[in-house]
Amino acid sequence: MNRFTWIIVLVLAVWCAVTAAPSRAQPSESPPEGVQQILPRGEIPAVFDPTFVPAAEAKIPDDAWVLGVILDGVAKAYSLNLLNHHEVVNDRFGARALAAVW
């Protein structure tokens, strides 16, 4: 076979593979039966670039629950009251990215 024939065969093989691949199901617009949707998907905003204060300056009760993370000797606490409203905090520990998820 000449070069042109190989190109045609390759194009046909790729086309067959693409058209035969199963399609990914899209999420349903409505929740399953018995589930009540309060907010539409994607409507809870994440926190980006959070700012931190020393624990003594934090305006949260001493008995408040936090999600604590210690990474490379750096300690941070994410208020669960904050995470209840945002669910995700995108943060960095130096060059490392971290997503605190609740």
C-alpha atoms as a PDB file:
ATOM      1  CA  MET A   1       0.000   0.000   0.000  1.00  0.00           C
ATOM      2  CA  ASN A   2       1.162   3.473  -0.709  1.00  0.00           C
ATOM      3  CA  ARG A   3       1.352   6.345   1.773  1.00  0.00           C
ATOM      4  CA  PHE A   4      -2.017   7.827   0.762  1.00  0.00           C
ATOM      5  CA  THR A   5      -3.783   4.509   1.390  1.00  0.00           C
ATOM      6  CA  TRP A   6      -2.249   4.284   4.887  1.00  0.00           C
ATOM      7  CA  ILE A   7      -3.482   7.775   5.698  1.00  0.00           C
ATOM      8  CA  ILE A   8      -7.029   6.841   4.614  1.00  0.00           C
ATOM      9  CA  VAL A   9      -6.907   3.648   6.706  1.00  0.00           C
ATOM     10  CA  LEU A  10      -5.651   5.598   9.736  1.00  0.00           C
ATOM     11  CA  VAL A  11      -8.358   8.272   9.385  1.00  0.00           C
ATOM     12  CA  LEU A  12     -11.063   5.609   9.082  1.00  0.00           C
ATOM     13  CA  ALA A  13      -9.742   3.744  12.137  1.00  0.00           C
ATOM     14  CA  VAL A  14      -9.750   6.901  14.248  1.00  0.00           C
ATOM     15  CA  TRP A  15     -13.222   7.855  13.023  1.00  0.00           C
ATOM     16  CA  CYS A  16     -14.572   4.379  13.870  1.00  0.00           C
ATOM     17  CA  ALA A  17     -13.017   4.507  17.340  1.00  0.00           C
ATOM     18  CA  VAL A  18     -14.460   7.956  18.058  1.00  0.00           C
ATOM     19  CA  THR A  19     -17.961   7.185  16.816  1.00  0.00           C
ATOM     20  CA  ALA A  20     -18.044   3.808  18.605  1.00  0.00           C
ATOM     21  CA  ALA A  21     -16.932   5.250  21.971  1.00  0.00           C
ATOM     22  CA  PRO A  22     -19.741   5.311  24.543  1.00  0.00           C
ATOM     23  CA  SER A  23     -21.016   8.788  25.281  1.00  0.00           C
ATOM     24  CA  ARG A  24     -20.742  10.082  28.822  1.00  0.00           C
ATOM     25  CA  ALA A  25     -24.092  10.491  30.481  1.00  0.00           C
ATOM     26  CA  GLN A  26     -24.935  14.031  31.410  1.00  0.00           C
ATOM     27  CA  PRO A  27     -26.296  14.659  34.900  1.00  0.00           C
ATOM     28  CA  SER A  28     -30.049  14.744  35.048  1.00  0.00           C
ATOM     29  CA  GLU A  29     -31.702  18.132  35.390  1.00  0.00           C
ATOM     30  CA  SER A  30     -33.931  16.817  38.162  1.00  0.00           C
ATOM     31  CA  PRO A  31     -32.839  14.918  41.280  1.00  0.00           C
ATOM     32  CA  PRO A  32     -33.791  11.267  41.783  1.00  0.00           C
ATOM     33  CA  GLU A  33     -37.183  10.448  43.261  1.00  0.00           C
ATOM     34  CA  GLY A  34     -37.272  11.129  47.000  1.00  0.00           C
ATOM     35  CA  VAL A  35     -34.430  13.684  46.894  1.00  0.00           C
ATOM     36  CA  GLN A  36     -35.242  17.344  47.409  1.00  0.00           C
ATOM     37  CA  GLN A  37     -32.852  19.739  45.693  1.00  0.00           C
ATOM     38  CA  ILE A  38     -32.447  22.981  47.656  1.00  0.00           C
ATOM     39  CA  LEU A  39     -29.883  24.721  45.424  1.00  0.00           C
ATOM     40  CA  PRO A  40     -29.067  24.082  41.772  1.00  0.00           C
ATOM     41  CA  ARG A  41     -25.778  22.277  41.079  1.00  0.00           C
ATOM     42  CA  GLY A  42     -22.751  24.540  41.250  1.00  0.00           C
ATOM     43  CA  GLU A  43     -24.481  27.311  43.208  1.00  0.00           C
ATOM     44  CA  ILE A  44     -22.388  27.021  46.394  1.00  0.00           C
ATOM     45  CA  PRO A  45     -19.352  29.233  45.833  1.00  0.00           C
ATOM     46  CA  ALA A  46     -15.897  27.938  46.766  1.00  0.00           C
ATOM     47  CA  VAL A  47     -13.457  30.087  48.751  1.00  0.00           C
ATOM     48  CA  PHE A  48     -10.274  31.064  46.897  1.00  0.00           C
ATOM     49  CA  ASP A  49      -7.173  32.591  48.520  1.00  0.00           C
ATOM     50  CA  PRO A  50      -8.427  32.533  52.132  1.00  0.00           C
ATOM     51  CA  THR A  51      -6.856  34.821  54.702  1.00  0.00           C
ATOM     52  CA  PHE A  52      -5.891  33.586  58.156  1.00  0.00           C
ATOM     53  CA  VAL A  53      -5.441  35.182  61.561  1.00  0.00           C
ATOM     54  CA  PRO A  54      -3.788  33.797  64.692  1.00  0.00           C
ATOM     55  CA  ALA A  55      -6.116  31.629  66.804  1.00  0.00           C
ATOM     56  CA  ALA A  56      -6.239  34.290  69.527  1.00  0.00           C
ATOM     57  CA  GLU A  57      -7.638  36.784  66.992  1.00  0.00           C
ATOM     58  CA  ALA A  58     -10.118  34.424  65.327  1.00  0.00           C
ATOM     59  CA  LYS A  59     -13.713  35.461  65.853  1.00  0.00           C
ATOM     60  CA  ILE A  60     -15.060  31.957  66.389  1.00  0.00           C
ATOM     61  CA  PRO A  61     -16.107  30.368  69.696  1.00  0.00           C
ATOM     62  CA  ASP A  62     -13.515  28.284  71.535  1.00  0.00           C
ATOM     63  CA  ASP A  63     -15.768  25.222  71.246  1.00  0.00           C
ATOM     64  CA  ALA A  64     -16.353  25.654  67.481  1.00  0.00           C
ATOM     65  CA  TRP A  65     -15.425  22.728  65.260  1.00  0.00           C
ATOM     66  CA  VAL A  66     -12.645  23.239  62.733  1.00  0.00           C
ATOM     67  CA  LEU A  67     -10.976  21.152  60.067  1.00  0.00           C
ATOM     68  CA  GLY A  68      -7.303  21.256  60.973  1.00  0.00           C
ATOM     69  CA  VAL A  69      -4.481  20.655  58.523  1.00  0.00           C
ATOM     70  CA  ILE A  70      -0.753  20.510  59.246  1.00  0.00           C
ATOM     71  CA  LEU A  71       1.410  20.290  56.148  1.00  0.00           C
ATOM     72  CA  ASP A  72       5.163  20.844  55.989  1.00  0.00           C
ATOM     73  CA  GLY A  73       5.055  22.235  59.533  1.00  0.00           C
ATOM     74  CA  VAL A  74       2.394  24.844  58.707  1.00  0.00           C
ATOM     75  CA  ALA A  75      -0.884  24.541  60.643  1.00  0.00           C
ATOM     76  CA  LYS A  76      -4.189  25.954  59.422  1.00  0.00           C
ATOM     77  CA  ALA A  77      -7.743  25.607  60.689  1.00  0.00           C
ATOM     78  CA  TYR A  78     -10.846  25.927  58.531  1.00  0.00           C
ATOM     79  CA  SER A  79     -14.029  26.792  60.399  1.00  0.00           C
ATOM     80  CA  LEU A  80     -16.755  24.226  59.784  1.00  0.00           C
ATOM     81  CA  ASN A  81     -19.273  27.066  60.065  1.00  0.00           C
ATOM     82  CA  LEU A  82     -17.560  28.593  57.016  1.00  0.00           C
ATOM     83  CA  LEU A  83     -17.366  25.240  55.234  1.00  0.00           C
ATOM     84  CA  ASN A  84     -21.073  24.614  55.856  1.00  0.00           C
ATOM     85  CA  HIS A  85     -21.749  27.602  53.579  1.00  0.00           C
ATOM     86  CA  HIS A  86     -18.997  27.120  51.005  1.00  0.00           C
ATOM     87  CA  GLU A  87     -18.079  23.395  51.147  1.00  0.00           C
ATOM     88  CA  VAL A  88     -14.682  23.946  49.473  1.00  0.00           C
ATOM     89  CA  VAL A  89     -11.728  26.153  50.347  1.00  0.00           C
ATOM     90  CA  ASN A  90      -8.967  26.267  47.734  1.00  0.00           C
ATOM     91  CA  ASP A  91      -5.737  27.066  49.528  1.00  0.00           C
ATOM     92  CA  ARG A  92      -1.978  26.760  49.183  1.00  0.00           C
ATOM     93  CA  PHE A  93       0.745  25.563  51.530  1.00  0.00           C
ATOM     94  CA  GLY A  94       3.727  27.111  49.827  1.00  0.00           C
ATOM     95  CA  ALA A  95       3.867  25.533  46.366  1.00  0.00           C
ATOM     96  CA  ARG A  96       1.359  22.801  47.302  1.00  0.00           C
ATOM     97  CA  ALA A  97      -2.296  23.239  46.414  1.00  0.00           C
ATOM     98  CA  LEU A  98      -4.930  21.977  48.844  1.00  0.00           C
ATOM     99  CA  ALA A  99      -8.711  21.750  48.678  1.00  0.00           C
ATOM    100  CA  ALA A 100     -10.334  21.635  52.119  1.00  0.00           C
ATOM    101  CA  VAL A 101     -13.678  19.949  51.467  1.00  0.00           C
ATOM    102  CA  TRP A 102     -16.626  19.538  53.822  1.00  0.00           C
END
